[in-house]
Protein backbone atom coordinates (compact mmCIF):
# COMPACT_ATOMS: atom_id res chain seq x y z
CA GLN A 1 -0.15 0.05 0.24
CA VAL A 2 1.48 3.36 -1.04
CA GLN A 3 1.67 5.58 2.00
CA LEU A 4 2.64 9.58 1.91
CA VAL A 5 3.26 10.56 5.51
CA GLU A 6 3.59 14.22 6.29
CA SER A 7 5.00 16.05 9.27
CA GLY A 8 6.55 19.37 10.65
CA GLY A 9 3.45 21.41 10.63
CA GLY A 10 2.51 23.97 13.40
CA LEU A 11 2.14 27.24 14.84
CA VAL A 12 4.96 29.72 14.03
CA GLN A 13 4.95 33.69 13.87
CA ASP A 14 4.88 36.20 11.27
CA GLY A 15 8.37 35.68 9.53
CA GLY A 16 9.34 32.55 11.21
CA SER A 17 10.51 29.12 9.55
CA LEU A 18 9.12 25.47 9.43
CA ARG A 19 10.30 22.48 7.59
CA LEU A 20 7.64 20.11 6.35
CA SER A 21 8.67 16.46 5.62
CA CYS A 22 6.87 13.79 3.59
CA ALA A 23 7.94 10.40 3.62
CA ALA A 24 6.92 8.17 1.05
CA SER A 25 6.64 4.37 0.20
CA ALA A 26 9.88 3.20 -1.26
CA SER A 27 8.09 1.43 -4.20
CA ILE A 28 7.06 4.51 -5.70
CA PHE A 29 9.11 7.48 -4.64
CA SER A 30 12.27 7.15 -7.10
CA ARG A 31 9.81 7.10 -10.27
CA SER A 32 7.78 9.92 -8.92
CA ALA A 33 7.53 13.84 -9.26
CA MET A 34 6.67 14.99 -5.67
CA GLY A 35 4.97 18.30 -4.91
CA TRP A 36 3.47 20.14 -2.03
CA TYR A 37 -0.05 21.86 -2.28
CA ARG A 38 -1.87 23.75 0.44
CA GLN A 39 -5.47 24.32 0.94
CA ALA A 40 -6.84 27.40 3.19
CA PRO A 41 -10.31 27.62 4.78
CA GLY A 42 -12.79 28.18 2.08
CA LYS A 43 -10.14 28.14 -0.89
CA GLN A 44 -9.08 25.67 -3.23
CA ARG A 45 -6.09 23.85 -3.14
CA GLU A 46 -2.96 25.26 -4.82
CA LEU A 47 -0.08 24.14 -5.75
CA VAL A 48 2.96 25.37 -3.78
CA ALA A 49 6.18 23.59 -4.98
CA THR A 50 7.14 20.42 -7.40
CA ILE A 51 10.42 18.48 -7.81
CA THR A 52 10.77 16.08 -10.55
CA SER A 53 12.48 12.89 -10.25
CA GLY A 54 15.56 14.58 -11.69
CA GLY A 55 15.30 17.30 -9.16
CA ILE A 56 13.70 20.32 -11.35
CA THR A 57 11.79 22.34 -9.23
CA ASN A 58 9.07 24.69 -9.84
CA TYR A 59 7.34 27.22 -7.23
CA ALA A 60 4.02 29.13 -6.91
CA ASP A 61 5.02 32.92 -7.49
CA SER A 62 3.66 33.36 -3.82
CA VAL A 63 6.22 31.29 -2.39
CA LYS A 64 9.46 32.02 -5.02
CA GLY A 65 12.36 33.26 -2.88
CA ARG A 66 11.03 32.02 0.57
CA PHE A 67 10.30 28.22 0.21
CA THR A 68 12.43 25.71 -1.02
CA ILE A 69 11.41 22.07 -2.07
CA SER A 70 13.94 19.40 -2.01
CA ARG A 71 14.41 15.56 -2.09
CA ASP A 72 16.45 12.68 -0.43
CA ASN A 73 15.97 9.75 -2.69
CA ALA A 74 17.96 7.54 -0.24
CA LYS A 75 14.99 8.43 2.44
CA ASN A 76 12.21 8.59 0.22
CA THR A 77 11.32 11.93 1.67
CA VAL A 78 10.49 15.24 0.08
CA TYR A 79 10.94 18.58 2.17
CA LEU A 80 9.42 21.92 2.07
CA GLN A 81 11.70 24.81 3.82
CA MET A 82 9.67 27.52 4.38
CA ASN A 83 11.18 30.90 5.52
CA SER A 84 9.56 34.31 5.89
CA LEU A 85 6.44 33.03 6.78
CA LYS A 86 3.34 35.30 6.24
CA PRO A 87 -0.26 34.70 7.92
CA GLU A 88 -1.57 34.16 4.19
CA ASP A 89 0.76 31.03 4.33
CA THR A 90 -1.87 29.57 6.75
CA ALA A 91 -3.19 26.25 5.32
CA VAL A 92 -3.36 22.68 5.47
CA TYR A 93 -0.34 21.42 3.32
CA TYR A 94 -0.52 18.13 1.40
CA CYS A 95 2.03 16.03 0.07
CA ASN A 96 1.52 14.49 -3.45
CA ALA A 97 3.12 12.03 -5.63
CA LYS A 98 2.76 11.62 -9.49
CA VAL A 99 4.08 8.22 -10.31
CA ALA A 100 5.45 7.86 -14.10
CA THR A 101 3.43 4.72 -14.94
CA ILE A 102 0.67 4.38 -17.64
CA PRO A 103 -1.88 5.89 -16.62
CA ILE A 104 -0.32 8.34 -14.19
CA ARG A 105 -1.00 7.46 -10.75
CA ILE A 106 -1.39 10.30 -8.16
CA TYR A 107 -1.22 9.75 -4.41
CA TRP A 108 -2.11 12.23 -1.45
CA GLY A 109 -0.78 12.53 1.95
CA GLN A 110 -3.11 13.19 4.87
CA GLY A 111 -2.21 16.98 5.27
CA THR A 112 -0.41 18.98 7.97
CA GLN A 113 -1.55 22.15 9.21
CA VAL A 114 0.67 25.36 9.28
CA THR A 115 -0.70 28.36 11.14
CA VAL A 116 1.18 31.47 10.75
CA SER A 117 0.22 34.18 13.58
CA SER A 118 0.39 38.05 12.66
């Protein structure tokens, strides 16, 4: 069974930092593009950052220069380092895996809450 397990969320003050982790099943990780998405109350889920199996990254404009996505293939884990956090970053953050199969398979983690207080 494929699992994505997020950790690292919490409460932080405006301007603070957090690092999210997502541990994925070894059976899929090396073949997957990994991503972080977030969903604030009353809003749609939105892309935060992605990283391909080859390490190519992509970021939402709202987080460029503040957030960094990375992956450790030896640990089957993807990270999201979040710096200079703002209250508008408050959301549930979800880990996502897109597995390079035909058809593509997509998996989601259970989500971790990030709250930034002003």
